[in-house]
């Protein structure tokens, strides 16, 4: 049976393949032409095995958290809480399996999948966030901590 780290790396690579310009890395994270993201800690659950990744659109950096509709329903996930490196709550993202219809046409989202994104700022941007999935009672379902570096726009020199 593969280790949690190997599963997390494989799932992170799968998420990255669905995002234009991305390729997986062997370090348990994902790299894009503009950002490098790596998981540094993971909770005991499996709801966030897809991890989280920094993504760039134009100059905007977003933290993307993929979830499956089945996982949201199975675990009763109601919210994603994003804590900054200082440990303070930075963002709270409401979650619903009903969001699948709205996300059906988003890039990087397959059928039965959800992709929650939170704007973090303009690049260059570097940081660490702990993402905690909680149910309607506020109980922790799972967590993942990621570090990322999103660099200034890269030119291919052409």
C-alpha atoms as a PDB file:
ATOM      1  CA  UNK A   1       0.000   0.000   0.000  1.00  0.00           C
ATOM      2  CA  UNK A   2       1.493   3.403  -0.960  1.00  0.00           C
ATOM      3  CA  UNK A   3       2.446   5.860   1.773  1.00  0.00           C
ATOM      4  CA  UNK A   4       0.394   9.017   2.452  1.00  0.00           C
ATOM      5  CA  UNK A   5       3.273  11.114   1.041  1.00  0.00           C
ATOM      6  CA  UNK A   6       3.280   9.117  -2.226  1.00  0.00           C
ATOM      7  CA  UNK A   7      -0.526   9.397  -2.534  1.00  0.00           C
ATOM      8  CA  UNK A   8      -0.344  13.142  -1.793  1.00  0.00           C
ATOM      9  CA  UNK A   9       2.380  13.591  -4.415  1.00  0.00           C
ATOM     10  CA  UNK A  10       0.406  11.614  -6.997  1.00  0.00           C
ATOM     11  CA  UNK A  11      -2.793  13.525  -6.306  1.00  0.00           C
ATOM     12  CA  UNK A  12      -0.923  16.833  -6.356  1.00  0.00           C
ATOM     13  CA  UNK A  13       0.524  15.879  -9.728  1.00  0.00           C
ATOM     14  CA  UNK A  14      -2.940  14.978 -11.007  1.00  0.00           C
ATOM     15  CA  UNK A  15      -4.265  18.380  -9.913  1.00  0.00           C
ATOM     16  CA  UNK A  16      -1.310  20.087 -11.542  1.00  0.00           C
ATOM     17  CA  UNK A  17      -1.832  18.294 -14.857  1.00  0.00           C
ATOM     18  CA  UNK A  18      -5.360  19.739 -14.991  1.00  0.00           C
ATOM     19  CA  UNK A  19      -3.937  23.250 -14.690  1.00  0.00           C
ATOM     20  CA  UNK A  20      -2.344  24.792 -17.794  1.00  0.00           C
ATOM     21  CA  UNK A  21       1.434  24.994 -17.645  1.00  0.00           C
ATOM     22  CA  UNK A  22       1.854  22.677 -14.658  1.00  0.00           C
ATOM     23  CA  UNK A  23       3.840  19.541 -14.061  1.00  0.00           C
ATOM     24  CA  UNK A  24       4.172  17.449 -10.924  1.00  0.00           C
ATOM     25  CA  UNK A  25       7.296  17.274  -8.817  1.00  0.00           C
ATOM     26  CA  UNK A  26       8.623  14.350  -6.875  1.00  0.00           C
ATOM     27  CA  UNK A  27       8.818  16.295  -3.611  1.00  0.00           C
ATOM     28  CA  UNK A  28       5.200  15.862  -2.542  1.00  0.00           C
ATOM     29  CA  UNK A  29       4.253  19.199  -4.059  1.00  0.00           C
ATOM     30  CA  UNK A  30       3.599  20.812  -7.376  1.00  0.00           C
ATOM     31  CA  UNK A  31       5.566  23.188  -9.528  1.00  0.00           C
ATOM     32  CA  UNK A  32       4.285  25.482 -12.230  1.00  0.00           C
ATOM     33  CA  UNK A  33       6.205  27.852 -14.434  1.00  0.00           C
ATOM     34  CA  UNK A  34       5.415  30.593 -11.889  1.00  0.00           C
ATOM     35  CA  UNK A  35       4.977  28.841  -8.518  1.00  0.00           C
ATOM     36  CA  UNK A  36       6.400  26.055  -6.411  1.00  0.00           C
ATOM     37  CA  UNK A  37       4.157  24.507  -3.760  1.00  0.00           C
ATOM     38  CA  UNK A  38       5.026  21.766  -1.292  1.00  0.00           C
ATOM     39  CA  UNK A  39       3.099  20.078   1.518  1.00  0.00           C
ATOM     40  CA  UNK A  40       5.029  20.276   4.796  1.00  0.00           C
ATOM     41  CA  UNK A  41       2.456  18.641   7.098  1.00  0.00           C
ATOM     42  CA  UNK A  42      -0.757  16.663   6.760  1.00  0.00           C
ATOM     43  CA  UNK A  43      -3.518  15.804   9.219  1.00  0.00           C
ATOM     44  CA  UNK A  44      -4.775  12.321   9.995  1.00  0.00           C
ATOM     45  CA  UNK A  45      -7.767  12.422   7.647  1.00  0.00           C
ATOM     46  CA  UNK A  46      -7.962  11.829   3.914  1.00  0.00           C
ATOM     47  CA  UNK A  47     -10.291  14.666   2.864  1.00  0.00           C
ATOM     48  CA  UNK A  48      -7.406  16.944   1.870  1.00  0.00           C
ATOM     49  CA  UNK A  49      -5.213  14.290   0.269  1.00  0.00           C
ATOM     50  CA  UNK A  50      -5.438  16.395  -2.915  1.00  0.00           C
ATOM     51  CA  UNK A  51      -3.439  19.019  -1.006  1.00  0.00           C
ATOM     52  CA  UNK A  52      -3.510  22.693  -1.897  1.00  0.00           C
ATOM     53  CA  UNK A  53      -1.454  24.628  -4.395  1.00  0.00           C
ATOM     54  CA  UNK A  54      -0.529  28.197  -5.191  1.00  0.00           C
ATOM     55  CA  UNK A  55      -1.622  29.191  -8.670  1.00  0.00           C
ATOM     56  CA  UNK A  56      -1.092  32.344 -10.716  1.00  0.00           C
ATOM     57  CA  UNK A  57      -3.517  34.009 -13.083  1.00  0.00           C
ATOM     58  CA  UNK A  58      -1.961  37.119 -14.569  1.00  0.00           C
ATOM     59  CA  UNK A  59      -0.244  38.724 -11.592  1.00  0.00           C
ATOM     60  CA  UNK A  60      -2.743  37.368  -9.035  1.00  0.00           C
ATOM     61  CA  UNK A  61      -1.751  34.544  -6.694  1.00  0.00           C
ATOM     62  CA  UNK A  62      -4.480  32.236  -5.446  1.00  0.00           C
ATOM     63  CA  UNK A  63      -4.404  29.244  -3.141  1.00  0.00           C
ATOM     64  CA  UNK A  64      -6.426  26.434  -4.750  1.00  0.00           C
ATOM     65  CA  UNK A  65      -7.879  23.538  -2.748  1.00  0.00           C
ATOM     66  CA  UNK A  66      -9.323  20.628  -4.744  1.00  0.00           C
ATOM     67  CA  UNK A  67     -12.041  18.475  -3.208  1.00  0.00           C
ATOM     68  CA  UNK A  68     -14.342  15.827  -4.589  1.00  0.00           C
ATOM     69  CA  UNK A  69     -18.092  16.172  -4.209  1.00  0.00           C
ATOM     70  CA  UNK A  70     -18.154  12.669  -2.674  1.00  0.00           C
ATOM     71  CA  UNK A  71     -15.576  13.661  -0.035  1.00  0.00           C
ATOM     72  CA  UNK A  72     -17.501  16.817   0.891  1.00  0.00           C
ATOM     73  CA  UNK A  73     -20.686  14.762   1.332  1.00  0.00           C
ATOM     74  CA  UNK A  74     -19.021  11.819   3.103  1.00  0.00           C
ATOM     75  CA  UNK A  75     -17.255  13.998   5.688  1.00  0.00           C
ATOM     76  CA  UNK A  76     -19.881  16.751   5.875  1.00  0.00           C
ATOM     77  CA  UNK A  77     -17.282  19.403   5.057  1.00  0.00           C
ATOM     78  CA  UNK A  78     -18.831  22.818   5.593  1.00  0.00           C
ATOM     79  CA  UNK A  79     -15.857  25.184   5.475  1.00  0.00           C
ATOM     80  CA  UNK A  80     -12.164  25.494   4.676  1.00  0.00           C
ATOM     81  CA  UNK A  81     -10.234  27.595   7.167  1.00  0.00           C
ATOM     82  CA  UNK A  82      -6.937  29.094   5.976  1.00  0.00           C
ATOM     83  CA  UNK A  83      -4.461  30.004   8.701  1.00  0.00           C
ATOM     84  CA  UNK A  84      -1.394  32.107   7.919  1.00  0.00           C
ATOM     85  CA  UNK A  85       2.148  31.373   9.080  1.00  0.00           C
ATOM     86  CA  UNK A  86       1.442  33.402  12.234  1.00  0.00           C
ATOM     87  CA  UNK A  87      -1.334  30.963  13.163  1.00  0.00           C
ATOM     88  CA  UNK A  88      -4.104  33.547  12.749  1.00  0.00           C
ATOM     89  CA  UNK A  89      -7.205  32.787  10.702  1.00  0.00           C
ATOM     90  CA  UNK A  90      -6.677  34.524   7.366  1.00  0.00           C
ATOM     91  CA  UNK A  91      -9.677  33.296   5.336  1.00  0.00           C
ATOM     92  CA  UNK A  92     -12.798  31.167   5.747  1.00  0.00           C
ATOM     93  CA  UNK A  93     -14.234  29.580   2.600  1.00  0.00           C
ATOM     94  CA  UNK A  94     -17.760  28.130   2.723  1.00  0.00           C
ATOM     95  CA  UNK A  95     -17.969  24.692   1.070  1.00  0.00           C
ATOM     96  CA  UNK A  96     -20.969  22.910  -0.447  1.00  0.00           C
ATOM     97  CA  UNK A  97     -21.343  19.865  -2.668  1.00  0.00           C
ATOM     98  CA  UNK A  98     -23.947  21.963  -4.522  1.00  0.00           C
ATOM     99  CA  UNK A  99     -21.108  24.165  -5.841  1.00  0.00           C
ATOM    100  CA  UNK A 100     -20.234  21.459  -8.396  1.00  0.00           C
ATOM    101  CA  UNK A 101     -22.700  22.863 -10.937  1.00  0.00           C
ATOM    102  CA  UNK A 102     -21.161  26.328 -10.638  1.00  0.00           C
ATOM    103  CA  UNK A 103     -17.622  24.974 -10.961  1.00  0.00           C
ATOM    104  CA  UNK A 104     -18.331  22.699 -13.925  1.00  0.00           C
ATOM    105  CA  UNK A 105     -16.834  25.176 -16.402  1.00  0.00           C
ATOM    106  CA  UNK A 106     -13.816  26.290 -14.341  1.00  0.00           C
ATOM    107  CA  UNK A 107     -10.352  25.399 -15.567  1.00  0.00           C
ATOM    108  CA  UNK A 108      -8.824  22.446 -13.780  1.00  0.00           C
ATOM    109  CA  UNK A 109     -12.167  21.103 -12.513  1.00  0.00           C
ATOM    110  CA  UNK A 110     -13.379  17.694 -13.665  1.00  0.00           C
ATOM    111  CA  UNK A 111     -16.855  16.253 -13.215  1.00  0.00           C
ATOM    112  CA  UNK A 112     -17.530  15.460  -9.560  1.00  0.00           C
ATOM    113  CA  UNK A 113     -14.763  17.804  -8.457  1.00  0.00           C
ATOM    114  CA  UNK A 114     -14.678  21.121  -6.623  1.00  0.00           C
ATOM    115  CA  UNK A 115     -11.848  23.650  -6.681  1.00  0.00           C
ATOM    116  CA  UNK A 116     -11.981  26.381  -4.082  1.00  0.00           C
ATOM    117  CA  UNK A 117      -9.632  29.326  -4.624  1.00  0.00           C
ATOM    118  CA  UNK A 118      -8.679  32.184  -2.341  1.00  0.00           C
ATOM    119  CA  UNK A 119      -6.963  35.324  -3.616  1.00  0.00           C
ATOM    120  CA  UNK A 120      -3.771  35.915  -1.628  1.00  0.00           C
ATOM    121  CA  UNK A 121      -2.145  38.884  -3.374  1.00  0.00           C
ATOM    122  CA  UNK A 122       0.018  39.875  -6.316  1.00  0.00           C
ATOM    123  CA  UNK A 123       3.258  38.187  -7.201  1.00  0.00           C
ATOM    124  CA  UNK A 124       5.976  37.861  -6.221  1.00  0.00           C
ATOM    125  CA  UNK A 125       4.417  36.236  -3.158  1.00  0.00           C
ATOM    126  CA  UNK A 126       5.759  33.588  -0.825  1.00  0.00           C
ATOM    127  CA  UNK A 127       4.141  32.012   2.207  1.00  0.00           C
ATOM    128  CA  UNK A 128       2.813  29.171   4.293  1.00  0.00           C
ATOM    129  CA  UNK A 129      -0.813  28.338   4.972  1.00  0.00           C
ATOM    130  CA  UNK A 130      -2.502  25.652   7.024  1.00  0.00           C
ATOM    131  CA  UNK A 131      -5.781  24.584   5.409  1.00  0.00           C
ATOM    132  CA  UNK A 132      -8.289  22.997   7.780  1.00  0.00           C
ATOM    133  CA  UNK A 133     -11.479  21.323   6.550  1.00  0.00           C
ATOM    134  CA  UNK A 134     -14.234  21.493   9.177  1.00  0.00           C
ATOM    135  CA  UNK A 135     -17.758  20.098   9.390  1.00  0.00           C
ATOM    136  CA  UNK A 136     -20.930  22.009  10.312  1.00  0.00           C
ATOM    137  CA  UNK A 137     -20.153  21.558  14.035  1.00  0.00           C
ATOM    138  CA  UNK A 138     -16.702  23.108  13.574  1.00  0.00           C
ATOM    139  CA  UNK A 139     -14.899  19.800  14.145  1.00  0.00           C
ATOM    140  CA  UNK A 140     -11.698  19.294  12.164  1.00  0.00           C
ATOM    141  CA  UNK A 141     -12.059  16.729   9.376  1.00  0.00           C
ATOM    142  CA  UNK A 142      -8.536  17.049   7.947  1.00  0.00           C
ATOM    143  CA  UNK A 143      -5.708  19.540   7.474  1.00  0.00           C
ATOM    144  CA  UNK A 144      -2.728  20.191   5.238  1.00  0.00           C
ATOM    145  CA  UNK A 145       0.044  22.782   5.543  1.00  0.00           C
ATOM    146  CA  UNK A 146       1.676  24.054   2.367  1.00  0.00           C
ATOM    147  CA  UNK A 147       4.553  26.394   1.593  1.00  0.00           C
ATOM    148  CA  UNK A 148       4.752  28.211  -1.708  1.00  0.00           C
ATOM    149  CA  UNK A 149       6.917  30.579  -3.714  1.00  0.00           C
ATOM    150  CA  UNK A 150       5.298  32.470  -6.596  1.00  0.00           C
ATOM    151  CA  UNK A 151       7.882  34.369  -8.560  1.00  0.00           C
ATOM    152  CA  UNK A 152       7.746  37.479 -10.729  1.00  0.00           C
ATOM    153  CA  UNK A 153       6.614  36.810 -14.270  1.00  0.00           C
ATOM    154  CA  UNK A 154       9.125  34.575 -15.979  1.00  0.00           C
ATOM    155  CA  UNK A 155      10.157  35.234 -19.558  1.00  0.00           C
ATOM    156  CA  UNK A 156      11.484  32.472 -21.775  1.00  0.00           C
ATOM    157  CA  UNK A 157      14.024  34.929 -23.156  1.00  0.00           C
ATOM    158  CA  UNK A 158      12.583  34.593 -26.651  1.00  0.00           C
END
